Amino acid sequence: MSQFPTHVRIVEVGARDGLQNQPNPVPTAIKVDLIERLIDAGIKHIEAGAFVSPKWVPLMADSMDVMQQIKRQPDVVYSALTPNIQGMTAALAAGANEVAVFIAATESFSQKNTNCSIEEALARAAPVIAMAQANQIRVRGYISCVLGCPFEGLQTNPHKVAVLTERLIQMGCFEVSLGDTIGTGTPHKAQALIEAITQRVPVTQLAAHFHNTYGQALANLYGVLECGVAVIDSSVAGLGGCPYARGATGNVATEDVLYMLQGMGITTGIELDKMVATAAFISAAINVPIDSNTANAFIRRQG
C-alpha cells in the first residue's frame, strides 16, 4: 500500500562521499565554499567530513580544517564519519553535531573496505557510539552493499540486512542509511529490502543511499518512498563512487532527486535553482563533469 511521505529530509553527501574519491586534491577553501553554498540552498543535513586515516582516504585529511572554517548555522546538522575512537575524538574537537559509523552487509566487502569481519566492524562501532552518546552527539549508521556486492553477487540477502539494521539501532544509532554501494538494485528489490527491514525496525529510522551506476537510483528511490522512507542521501552534481567496486559511479544527484520530489508534490525546503548553481560551481572548481540530468538541463536552458 502506497504511503508516500509529504516531506523528505535530504542528507547531502557531496562534500564527503562525493569528494573523497576524486582523482586530484581538492583545496580546503573549495570544500568550505561548497558546504556554505549547499547550506545557502537550503540543505539542513550535510556530511562535512570524515575522520579516517589520511593514508587510505587522503582527500579527507583536512576535515578538521574544513569543519573549523565553515560558518556554522544553528539549524544545520554537520555530520562526520568516525570509524574509531580516534576519529570520534577528532570529530568532537572539530565540533561535529552528528557522527556516523559504518558496516557492510557482506563479509567480502567488509574485509576489502575495512579489513575486518562484519562482527569486528560492529565491535569497533560500539565504543564510538558510547562515546558519542556520552557527549550528547547523535550517531547515524551506514550499511554498504545492501542490494548487491562486487564480490558476492548482485543480490544481498535482505533478511541479513534487516538483522544488521536492527543491531545498529539497538546499539544506539538513531537512523540507518541503506547503501546500494554499486548501484545494482532495481525497484522491486529495493522495496523487498524495506519490507524485510520494517519487520524489525520502523521505517522512520531508515534512509536510502543509492548510487546510480545502472541508472536505477531514481526508480529505486520512488520504490522506497512508496514504502514510507522519508530520508534520502544524495550528492550535488552526482559526485562520488566506490573505490572497491570497478565501474561503480556516483551517488544519485541531489538535483535529480529534488526535481522528482517537486514533481510528486513532496517538499524538501531546498531551492533547486541554487543547487544547480552549486553543481556548476563544484564542477568547474574540481574540473569534473556534472553527472545530473536535471542540472545539465537547467544549465542548457539558461544558456
C-alpha atoms as a PDB file:
ATOM      1  CA  MET A   1       0.000   0.000   0.000  1.00  0.00           C
ATOM      2  CA  SER A   2       1.396   3.369  -1.036  1.00  0.00           C
ATOM      3  CA  GLN A   3       2.389   5.678   1.805  1.00  0.00           C
ATOM      4  CA  PHE A   4       4.431   8.425   0.149  1.00  0.00           C
ATOM      5  CA  PRO A   5       5.795  10.995   2.622  1.00  0.00           C
ATOM      6  CA  THR A   6       4.779  14.638   2.313  1.00  0.00           C
ATOM      7  CA  HIS A   7       8.259  15.866   3.281  1.00  0.00           C
ATOM      8  CA  VAL A   8      11.688  14.323   2.657  1.00  0.00           C
ATOM      9  CA  ARG A   9      14.892  15.137   4.519  1.00  0.00           C
ATOM     10  CA  ILE A  10      17.834  15.293   2.148  1.00  0.00           C
ATOM     11  CA  VAL A  11      21.216  14.311   3.587  1.00  0.00           C
ATOM     12  CA  GLU A  12      23.787  15.945   1.318  1.00  0.00           C
ATOM     13  CA  VAL A  13      26.850  13.716   0.973  1.00  0.00           C
ATOM     14  CA  GLY A  14      28.713  15.537  -1.794  1.00  0.00           C
ATOM     15  CA  ALA A  15      31.284  17.195   0.455  1.00  0.00           C
ATOM     16  CA  ARG A  16      32.373  13.835   1.897  1.00  0.00           C
ATOM     17  CA  ASP A  17      31.258  10.810  -0.095  1.00  0.00           C
ATOM     18  CA  GLY A  18      31.288  12.865  -3.282  1.00  0.00           C
ATOM     19  CA  LEU A  19      34.772  14.323  -2.921  1.00  0.00           C
ATOM     20  CA  GLN A  20      36.705  11.550  -1.179  1.00  0.00           C
ATOM     21  CA  ASN A  21      37.287   9.553  -4.375  1.00  0.00           C
ATOM     22  CA  GLN A  22      38.242  12.403  -6.683  1.00  0.00           C
ATOM     23  CA  PRO A  23      41.482  11.746  -8.594  1.00  0.00           C
ATOM     24  CA  ASN A  24      43.040  15.102  -7.689  1.00  0.00           C
ATOM     25  CA  PRO A  25      43.366  17.044  -4.422  1.00  0.00           C
ATOM     26  CA  VAL A  26      40.539  19.435  -3.577  1.00  0.00           C
ATOM     27  CA  PRO A  27      41.647  22.601  -1.726  1.00  0.00           C
ATOM     28  CA  THR A  28      40.186  23.156   1.721  1.00  0.00           C
ATOM     29  CA  ALA A  29      38.811  26.528   0.647  1.00  0.00           C
ATOM     30  CA  ILE A  30      36.793  24.871  -2.128  1.00  0.00           C
ATOM     31  CA  LYS A  31      35.302  22.375   0.324  1.00  0.00           C
ATOM     32  CA  VAL A  32      34.340  25.162   2.714  1.00  0.00           C
ATOM     33  CA  ASP A  33      32.812  27.191  -0.116  1.00  0.00           C
ATOM     34  CA  LEU A  34      30.893  24.129  -1.335  1.00  0.00           C
ATOM     35  CA  ILE A  35      29.415  23.411   2.100  1.00  0.00           C
ATOM     36  CA  GLU A  36      28.371  27.019   2.609  1.00  0.00           C
ATOM     37  CA  ARG A  37      26.725  27.147  -0.835  1.00  0.00           C
ATOM     38  CA  LEU A  38      24.835  23.942  -0.076  1.00  0.00           C
ATOM     39  CA  ILE A  39      23.606  25.371   3.216  1.00  0.00           C
ATOM     40  CA  ASP A  40      22.545  28.569   1.442  1.00  0.00           C
ATOM     41  CA  ALA A  41      20.489  26.442  -0.967  1.00  0.00           C
ATOM     42  CA  GLY A  42      18.539  25.044   1.977  1.00  0.00           C
ATOM     43  CA  ILE A  43      20.447  21.886   2.931  1.00  0.00           C
ATOM     44  CA  LYS A  44      19.935  21.211   6.638  1.00  0.00           C
ATOM     45  CA  HIS A  45      21.803  17.906   6.989  1.00  0.00           C
ATOM     46  CA  ILE A  46      25.260  17.554   5.483  1.00  0.00           C
ATOM     47  CA  GLU A  47      28.233  15.222   5.624  1.00  0.00           C
ATOM     48  CA  ALA A  48      31.000  17.748   6.220  1.00  0.00           C
ATOM     49  CA  GLY A  49      33.992  15.426   6.567  1.00  0.00           C
ATOM     50  CA  ALA A  50      35.476  12.113   7.621  1.00  0.00           C
ATOM     51  CA  PHE A  51      37.975  11.460  10.398  1.00  0.00           C
ATOM     52  CA  VAL A  52      39.619   8.466   8.811  1.00  0.00           C
ATOM     53  CA  SER A  53      43.206   7.509   8.083  1.00  0.00           C
ATOM     54  CA  PRO A  54      44.729  10.005   5.609  1.00  0.00           C
ATOM     55  CA  LYS A  55      46.779   7.117   4.274  1.00  0.00           C
ATOM     56  CA  TRP A  56      43.629   5.431   2.966  1.00  0.00           C
ATOM     57  CA  VAL A  57      41.456   8.487   2.270  1.00  0.00           C
ATOM     58  CA  PRO A  58      43.858  11.383   1.594  1.00  0.00           C
ATOM     59  CA  LEU A  59      41.152  13.739   0.345  1.00  0.00           C
ATOM     60  CA  MET A  60      39.588  13.795   3.816  1.00  0.00           C
ATOM     61  CA  ALA A  61      42.847  14.642   5.605  1.00  0.00           C
ATOM     62  CA  ASP A  62      41.761  18.272   6.044  1.00  0.00           C
ATOM     63  CA  SER A  63      38.363  17.513   7.608  1.00  0.00           C
ATOM     64  CA  MET A  64      39.358  19.235  10.857  1.00  0.00           C
ATOM     65  CA  ASP A  65      40.255  22.417   8.975  1.00  0.00           C
ATOM     66  CA  VAL A  66      37.067  22.261   6.911  1.00  0.00           C
ATOM     67  CA  MET A  67      34.805  21.854   9.920  1.00  0.00           C
ATOM     68  CA  GLN A  68      36.543  24.616  11.835  1.00  0.00           C
ATOM     69  CA  GLN A  69      36.437  27.075   8.939  1.00  0.00           C
ATOM     70  CA  ILE A  70      32.811  26.750   7.832  1.00  0.00           C
ATOM     71  CA  LYS A  71      30.400  29.385   9.084  1.00  0.00           C
ATOM     72  CA  ARG A  72      28.020  27.349  11.222  1.00  0.00           C
ATOM     73  CA  GLN A  73      24.270  27.743  11.053  1.00  0.00           C
ATOM     74  CA  PRO A  74      22.394  26.779  14.240  1.00  0.00           C
ATOM     75  CA  ASP A  75      19.722  24.688  12.490  1.00  0.00           C
ATOM     76  CA  VAL A  76      22.088  22.591  10.363  1.00  0.00           C
ATOM     77  CA  VAL A  77      23.438  19.102  11.120  1.00  0.00           C
ATOM     78  CA  TYR A  78      27.158  18.864  10.334  1.00  0.00           C
ATOM     79  CA  SER A  79      27.993  15.175  10.304  1.00  0.00           C
ATOM     80  CA  ALA A  80      31.361  13.419  10.226  1.00  0.00           C
ATOM     81  CA  LEU A  81      32.318   9.822   9.520  1.00  0.00           C
ATOM     82  CA  THR A  82      34.044   8.293  12.558  1.00  0.00           C
ATOM     83  CA  PRO A  83      35.264   4.690  12.204  1.00  0.00           C
ATOM     84  CA  ASN A  84      37.044   4.511  15.564  1.00  0.00           C
ATOM     85  CA  ILE A  85      37.674   6.284  18.878  1.00  0.00           C
ATOM     86  CA  GLN A  86      40.464   8.351  17.355  1.00  0.00           C
ATOM     87  CA  GLY A  87      38.066   9.592  14.699  1.00  0.00           C
ATOM     88  CA  MET A  88      35.362  10.218  17.289  1.00  0.00           C
ATOM     89  CA  THR A  89      37.763  12.262  19.396  1.00  0.00           C
ATOM     90  CA  ALA A  90      38.680  14.359  16.357  1.00  0.00           C
ATOM     91  CA  ALA A  91      35.019  14.853  15.449  1.00  0.00           C
ATOM     92  CA  LEU A  92      34.310  16.205  18.927  1.00  0.00           C
ATOM     93  CA  ALA A  93      37.241  18.595  18.661  1.00  0.00           C
ATOM     94  CA  ALA A  94      36.003  19.725  15.255  1.00  0.00           C
ATOM     95  CA  GLY A  95      32.532  20.486  16.572  1.00  0.00           C
ATOM     96  CA  ALA A  96      30.567  17.855  14.676  1.00  0.00           C
ATOM     97  CA  ASN A  97      26.992  17.678  15.953  1.00  0.00           C
ATOM     98  CA  GLU A  98      26.445  14.223  14.465  1.00  0.00           C
ATOM     99  CA  VAL A  99      28.739  11.311  13.662  1.00  0.00           C
ATOM    100  CA  ALA A 100      28.407   8.183  11.573  1.00  0.00           C
ATOM    101  CA  VAL A 101      29.644   4.612  11.891  1.00  0.00           C
ATOM    102  CA  PHE A 102      29.607   2.109   9.074  1.00  0.00           C
ATOM    103  CA  ILE A 103      29.493  -1.605   8.368  1.00  0.00           C
ATOM    104  CA  ALA A 104      28.971  -3.744   5.282  1.00  0.00           C
ATOM    105  CA  ALA A 105      26.210  -6.227   4.533  1.00  0.00           C
ATOM    106  CA  THR A 106      28.627  -8.793   3.084  1.00  0.00           C
ATOM    107  CA  GLU A 107      31.762 -10.333   4.561  1.00  0.00           C
ATOM    108  CA  SER A 108      33.813  -9.885   1.399  1.00  0.00           C
ATOM    109  CA  PHE A 109      33.150  -6.167   1.146  1.00  0.00           C
ATOM    110  CA  SER A 110      33.747  -5.715   4.862  1.00  0.00           C
ATOM    111  CA  GLN A 111      37.173  -7.312   4.563  1.00  0.00           C
ATOM    112  CA  LYS A 112      38.068  -5.301   1.463  1.00  0.00           C
ATOM    113  CA  ASN A 113      36.763  -1.968   2.744  1.00  0.00           C
ATOM    114  CA  THR A 114      37.752  -2.098   6.420  1.00  0.00           C
ATOM    115  CA  ASN A 115      39.986  -5.170   6.725  1.00  0.00           C
ATOM    116  CA  CYS A 116      37.711  -6.824   9.257  1.00  0.00           C
ATOM    117  CA  SER A 117      34.639  -9.044   9.503  1.00  0.00           C
ATOM    118  CA  ILE A 118      31.122  -7.690   9.970  1.00  0.00           C
ATOM    119  CA  GLU A 119      31.178  -8.721  13.625  1.00  0.00           C
ATOM    120  CA  GLU A 120      34.506  -6.982  14.114  1.00  0.00           C
ATOM    121  CA  ALA A 121      33.115  -3.848  12.458  1.00  0.00           C
ATOM    122  CA  LEU A 122      30.158  -3.862  14.845  1.00  0.00           C
ATOM    123  CA  ALA A 123      32.535  -4.308  17.772  1.00  0.00           C
ATOM    124  CA  ARG A 124      34.605  -1.339  16.570  1.00  0.00           C
ATOM    125  CA  ALA A 125      31.478   0.792  16.302  1.00  0.00           C
ATOM    126  CA  ALA A 126      30.286   0.091  19.863  1.00  0.00           C
ATOM    127  CA  PRO A 127      32.771   2.319  21.751  1.00  0.00           C
ATOM    128  CA  VAL A 128      32.344   5.086  19.163  1.00  0.00           C
ATOM    129  CA  ILE A 129      28.592   5.053  19.737  1.00  0.00           C
ATOM    130  CA  ALA A 130      29.077   5.003  23.507  1.00  0.00           C
ATOM    131  CA  MET A 131      31.461   7.962  23.366  1.00  0.00           C
ATOM    132  CA  ALA A 132      29.098   9.913  21.141  1.00  0.00           C
ATOM    133  CA  GLN A 133      26.161   9.260  23.452  1.00  0.00           C
ATOM    134  CA  ALA A 134      28.209  10.352  26.450  1.00  0.00           C
ATOM    135  CA  ASN A 135      28.723  13.657  24.656  1.00  0.00           C
ATOM    136  CA  GLN A 136      25.075  14.019  23.538  1.00  0.00           C
ATOM    137  CA  ILE A 137      26.008  13.503  19.872  1.00  0.00           C
ATOM    138  CA  ARG A 138      23.635  11.602  17.594  1.00  0.00           C
ATOM    139  CA  VAL A 139      25.015   8.603  15.725  1.00  0.00           C
ATOM    140  CA  ARG A 140      23.945   7.574  12.247  1.00  0.00           C
ATOM    141  CA  GLY A 141      24.668   4.077  10.942  1.00  0.00           C
ATOM    142  CA  TYR A 142      25.619   3.156   7.383  1.00  0.00           C
ATOM    143  CA  ILE A 143      25.357  -0.268   5.795  1.00  0.00           C
ATOM    144  CA  SER A 144      27.121  -0.816   2.464  1.00  0.00           C
ATOM    145  CA  CYS A 145      26.142  -3.218  -0.316  1.00  0.00           C
ATOM    146  CA  VAL A 146      22.536  -3.696   0.797  1.00  0.00           C
ATOM    147  CA  LEU A 147      21.311  -4.528  -2.724  1.00  0.00           C
ATOM    148  CA  GLY A 148      24.408  -6.128  -4.214  1.00  0.00           C
ATOM    149  CA  CYS A 149      28.113  -6.721  -3.673  1.00  0.00           C
ATOM    150  CA  PRO A 150      31.011  -6.539  -6.162  1.00  0.00           C
ATOM    151  CA  PHE A 151      32.433  -9.733  -4.671  1.00  0.00           C
ATOM    152  CA  GLU A 152      29.408 -11.804  -3.658  1.00  0.00           C
ATOM    153  CA  GLY A 153      26.911 -11.061  -6.406  1.00  0.00           C
ATOM    154  CA  LEU A 154      24.066  -8.752  -7.341  1.00  0.00           C
ATOM    155  CA  GLN A 155      21.626  -9.852  -4.641  1.00  0.00           C
ATOM    156  CA  THR A 156      22.317  -9.314  -0.956  1.00  0.00           C
ATOM    157  CA  ASN A 157      20.091 -11.246   1.442  1.00  0.00           C
ATOM    158  CA  PRO A 158      17.512  -8.680   2.635  1.00  0.00           C
ATOM    159  CA  HIS A 159      16.925 -10.549   5.896  1.00  0.00           C
ATOM    160  CA  LYS A 160      20.617 -10.291   6.738  1.00  0.00           C
ATOM    161  CA  VAL A 161      20.455  -6.532   6.097  1.00  0.00           C
ATOM    162  CA  ALA A 162      17.375  -6.351   8.322  1.00  0.00           C
ATOM    163  CA  VAL A 163      19.208  -8.052  11.196  1.00  0.00           C
ATOM    164  CA  LEU A 164      22.209  -5.734  10.833  1.00  0.00           C
ATOM    165  CA  THR A 165      19.956  -2.678  10.711  1.00  0.00           C
ATOM    166  CA  GLU A 166      18.231  -3.757  13.899  1.00  0.00           C
ATOM    167  CA  ARG A 167      21.565  -4.321  15.612  1.00  0.00           C
ATOM    168  CA  LEU A 168      22.789  -0.822  14.745  1.00  0.00           C
ATOM    169  CA  ILE A 169      19.564   0.666  16.094  1.00  0.00           C
ATOM    170  CA  GLN A 170      19.865  -1.397  19.269  1.00  0.00           C
ATOM    171  CA  MET A 171      23.461  -0.220  19.676  1.00  0.00           C
ATOM    172  CA  GLY A 172      22.273   3.395  19.665  1.00  0.00           C
ATOM    173  CA  CYS A 173      22.076   4.643  16.080  1.00  0.00           C
ATOM    174  CA  PHE A 174      19.074   6.927  15.623  1.00  0.00           C
ATOM    175  CA  GLU A 175      18.917   6.134  11.901  1.00  0.00           C
ATOM    176  CA  VAL A 176      20.433   3.669   9.441  1.00  0.00           C
ATOM    177  CA  SER A 177      21.323   4.661   5.892  1.00  0.00           C
ATOM    178  CA  LEU A 178      20.989   1.768   3.446  1.00  0.00           C
ATOM    179  CA  GLY A 179      23.671   1.928   0.779  1.00  0.00           C
ATOM    180  CA  ASP A 180      23.297   0.458  -2.690  1.00  0.00           C
ATOM    181  CA  THR A 181      27.033   0.967  -2.988  1.00  0.00           C
ATOM    182  CA  ILE A 182      27.465  -0.416  -6.501  1.00  0.00           C
ATOM    183  CA  GLY A 183      24.114   0.759  -7.826  1.00  0.00           C
ATOM    184  CA  THR A 184      22.836  -2.634  -8.976  1.00  0.00           C
ATOM    185  CA  GLY A 185      19.457  -2.508  -7.248  1.00  0.00           C
ATOM    186  CA  THR A 186      16.099  -2.362  -9.018  1.00  0.00           C
ATOM    187  CA  PRO A 187      12.780  -1.074  -7.624  1.00  0.00           C
ATOM    188  CA  HIS A 188      11.185  -4.362  -6.592  1.00  0.00           C
ATOM    189  CA  LYS A 189      14.398  -5.469  -4.855  1.00  0.00           C
ATOM    190  CA  ALA A 190      14.596  -2.107  -3.085  1.00  0.00           C
ATOM    191  CA  GLN A 191      11.002  -2.415  -1.904  1.00  0.00           C
ATOM    192  CA  ALA A 192      11.555  -6.004  -0.773  1.00  0.00           C
ATOM    193  CA  LEU A 193      14.526  -4.807   1.262  1.00  0.00           C
ATOM    194  CA  ILE A 194      12.436  -2.157   3.031  1.00  0.00           C
ATOM    195  CA  GLU A 195       9.643  -4.648   3.652  1.00  0.00           C
ATOM    196  CA  ALA A 196      12.122  -7.062   5.255  1.00  0.00           C
ATOM    197  CA  ILE A 197      13.721  -4.394   7.431  1.00  0.00           C
ATOM    198  CA  THR A 198      10.441  -2.887   8.628  1.00  0.00           C
ATOM    199  CA  GLN A 199       9.554  -6.227  10.171  1.00  0.00           C
ATOM    200  CA  ARG A 200      12.240  -5.283  12.713  1.00  0.00           C
ATOM    201  CA  VAL A 201      12.786  -1.511  12.537  1.00  0.00           C
ATOM    202  CA  PRO A 202      10.342   1.384  11.976  1.00  0.00           C
ATOM    203  CA  VAL A 203      10.531   2.939   8.522  1.00  0.00           C
ATOM    204  CA  THR A 204      11.064   6.303  10.229  1.00  0.00           C
ATOM    205  CA  GLN A 205      14.580   5.147  11.179  1.00  0.00           C
ATOM    206  CA  LEU A 206      15.623   4.305   7.627  1.00  0.00           C
ATOM    207  CA  ALA A 207      17.367   6.332   4.915  1.00  0.00           C
ATOM    208  CA  ALA A 208      18.143   5.460   1.290  1.00  0.00           C
ATOM    209  CA  HIS A 209      21.675   5.948  -0.042  1.00  0.00           C
ATOM    210  CA  PHE A 210      21.523   4.815  -3.659  1.00  0.00           C
ATOM    211  CA  HIS A 211      24.183   5.030  -6.341  1.00  0.00           C
ATOM    212  CA  ASN A 212      23.254   5.435  -9.987  1.00  0.00           C
ATOM    213  CA  THR A 213      25.640   3.048 -11.743  1.00  0.00           C
ATOM    214  CA  TYR A 214      22.894   1.399 -13.831  1.00  0.00           C
ATOM    215  CA  GLY A 215      20.609   4.438 -13.967  1.00  0.00           C
ATOM    216  CA  GLN A 216      18.213   2.914 -11.439  1.00  0.00           C
ATOM    217  CA  ALA A 217      18.642   5.251  -8.472  1.00  0.00           C
ATOM    218  CA  LEU A 218      15.563   7.442  -9.027  1.00  0.00           C
ATOM    219  CA  ALA A 219      13.392   4.419  -9.774  1.00  0.00           C
ATOM    220  CA  ASN A 220      14.661   2.727  -6.638  1.00  0.00           C
ATOM    221  CA  LEU A 221      14.052   5.866  -4.602  1.00  0.00           C
ATOM    222  CA  TYR A 222      10.494   6.074  -5.916  1.00  0.00           C
ATOM    223  CA  GLY A 223      10.045   2.477  -4.805  1.00  0.00           C
ATOM    224  CA  VAL A 224      11.228   3.060  -1.245  1.00  0.00           C
ATOM    225  CA  LEU A 225       9.373   6.382  -0.981  1.00  0.00           C
ATOM    226  CA  GLU A 226       6.246   4.375  -1.723  1.00  0.00           C
ATOM    227  CA  CYS A 227       7.145   2.230   1.292  1.00  0.00           C
ATOM    228  CA  GLY A 228       7.336   5.313   3.503  1.00  0.00           C
ATOM    229  CA  VAL A 229      11.081   6.056   3.536  1.00  0.00           C
ATOM    230  CA  ALA A 230      11.405   9.826   4.053  1.00  0.00           C
ATOM    231  CA  VAL A 231      15.188  10.357   4.199  1.00  0.00           C
ATOM    232  CA  ILE A 232      17.383  10.350   1.085  1.00  0.00           C
ATOM    233  CA  ASP A 233      21.163  10.658   0.828  1.00  0.00           C
ATOM    234  CA  SER A 234      22.233  12.416  -2.363  1.00  0.00           C
ATOM    235  CA  SER A 235      25.236  14.225  -3.773  1.00  0.00           C
ATOM    236  CA  VAL A 236      25.468  17.574  -5.515  1.00  0.00           C
ATOM    237  CA  ALA A 237      26.291  17.115  -9.224  1.00  0.00           C
ATOM    238  CA  GLY A 238      26.177  13.333  -8.732  1.00  0.00           C
ATOM    239  CA  LEU A 239      29.699  13.306  -7.278  1.00  0.00           C
ATOM    240  CA  GLY A 240      31.020  10.082  -5.805  1.00  0.00           C
ATOM    241  CA  GLY A 241      31.822   6.450  -6.452  1.00  0.00           C
ATOM    242  CA  CYS A 242      33.189   3.389  -4.746  1.00  0.00           C
ATOM    243  CA  PRO A 243      36.950   2.691  -4.800  1.00  0.00           C
ATOM    244  CA  TYR A 244      36.418  -1.043  -4.213  1.00  0.00           C
ATOM    245  CA  ALA A 245      33.873  -1.645  -6.970  1.00  0.00           C
ATOM    246  CA  ARG A 246      35.086  -1.359 -10.523  1.00  0.00           C
ATOM    247  CA  GLY A 247      32.746   0.729 -12.648  1.00  0.00           C
ATOM    248  CA  ALA A 248      30.595   1.969  -9.774  1.00  0.00           C
ATOM    249  CA  THR A 249      29.640   5.574 -10.389  1.00  0.00           C
ATOM    250  CA  GLY A 250      28.464   8.349  -8.143  1.00  0.00           C
ATOM    251  CA  ASN A 251      25.641   8.863  -5.732  1.00  0.00           C
ATOM    252  CA  VAL A 252      22.307   9.898  -7.137  1.00  0.00           C
ATOM    253  CA  ALA A 253      22.440  13.617  -7.916  1.00  0.00           C
ATOM    254  CA  THR A 254      20.704  15.883  -5.431  1.00  0.00           C
ATOM    255  CA  GLU A 255      19.300  17.985  -8.285  1.00  0.00           C
ATOM    256  CA  ASP A 256      17.661  14.935  -9.905  1.00  0.00           C
ATOM    257  CA  VAL A 257      16.136  13.887  -6.586  1.00  0.00           C
ATOM    258  CA  LEU A 258      14.794  17.395  -5.967  1.00  0.00           C
ATOM    259  CA  TYR A 259      13.239  17.589  -9.428  1.00  0.00           C
ATOM    260  CA  MET A 260      11.477  14.255  -8.932  1.00  0.00           C
ATOM    261  CA  LEU A 261      10.234  15.162  -5.469  1.00  0.00           C
ATOM    262  CA  GLN A 262       8.963  18.541  -6.645  1.00  0.00           C
ATOM    263  CA  GLY A 263       7.007  16.792  -9.366  1.00  0.00           C
ATOM    264  CA  MET A 264       5.478  14.490  -6.765  1.00  0.00           C
ATOM    265  CA  GLY A 265       4.451  17.381  -4.522  1.00  0.00           C
ATOM    266  CA  ILE A 266       6.900  16.312  -1.795  1.00  0.00           C
ATOM    267  CA  THR A 267       8.630  19.176   0.000  1.00  0.00           C
ATOM    268  CA  THR A 268      12.310  19.391   0.981  1.00  0.00           C
ATOM    269  CA  GLY A 269      12.925  23.044   1.857  1.00  0.00           C
ATOM    270  CA  ILE A 270      15.751  23.176  -0.710  1.00  0.00           C
ATOM    271  CA  GLU A 271      15.949  25.581  -3.663  1.00  0.00           C
ATOM    272  CA  LEU A 272      16.594  23.673  -6.880  1.00  0.00           C
ATOM    273  CA  ASP A 273      17.979  26.694  -8.754  1.00  0.00           C
ATOM    274  CA  LYS A 274      20.625  27.228  -6.071  1.00  0.00           C
ATOM    275  CA  MET A 275      21.521  23.538  -6.089  1.00  0.00           C
ATOM    276  CA  VAL A 276      22.045  23.680  -9.847  1.00  0.00           C
ATOM    277  CA  ALA A 277      24.299  26.711  -9.416  1.00  0.00           C
ATOM    278  CA  THR A 278      26.233  24.851  -6.721  1.00  0.00           C
ATOM    279  CA  ALA A 279      26.625  21.847  -9.022  1.00  0.00           C
ATOM    280  CA  ALA A 280      28.050  24.168 -11.703  1.00  0.00           C
ATOM    281  CA  PHE A 281      30.402  25.708  -9.130  1.00  0.00           C
ATOM    282  CA  ILE A 282      31.906  22.446  -7.884  1.00  0.00           C
ATOM    283  CA  SER A 283      32.115  21.001 -11.382  1.00  0.00           C
ATOM    284  CA  ALA A 284      34.196  23.966 -12.531  1.00  0.00           C
ATOM    285  CA  ALA A 285      36.233  24.102  -9.316  1.00  0.00           C
ATOM    286  CA  ILE A 286      37.453  20.499  -9.468  1.00  0.00           C
ATOM    287  CA  ASN A 287      37.186  20.043 -13.241  1.00  0.00           C
ATOM    288  CA  VAL A 288      34.747  17.138 -13.329  1.00  0.00           C
ATOM    289  CA  PRO A 289      31.576  16.906 -15.414  1.00  0.00           C
ATOM    290  CA  ILE A 290      28.173  17.279 -13.793  1.00  0.00           C
ATOM    291  CA  ASP A 291      26.538  13.857 -13.522  1.00  0.00           C
ATOM    292  CA  SER A 292      22.994  15.186 -13.157  1.00  0.00           C
ATOM    293  CA  ASN A 293      20.402  15.251 -15.908  1.00  0.00           C
ATOM    294  CA  THR A 294      18.448  17.972 -14.144  1.00  0.00           C
ATOM    295  CA  ALA A 295      21.414  20.262 -13.533  1.00  0.00           C
ATOM    296  CA  ASN A 296      22.623  19.873 -17.102  1.00  0.00           C
ATOM    297  CA  ALA A 297      19.131  20.551 -18.480  1.00  0.00           C
ATOM    298  CA  PHE A 298      18.772  23.708 -16.355  1.00  0.00           C
ATOM    299  CA  ILE A 299      22.202  24.945 -17.423  1.00  0.00           C
ATOM    300  CA  ARG A 300      21.472  24.344 -21.129  1.00  0.00           C
ATOM    301  CA  ARG A 301      18.146  26.108 -20.785  1.00  0.00           C
ATOM    302  CA  GLN A 302      19.783  29.095 -19.147  1.00  0.00           C
ATOM    303  CA  GLY A 303      22.212  29.441 -21.791  1.00  0.00           C
END
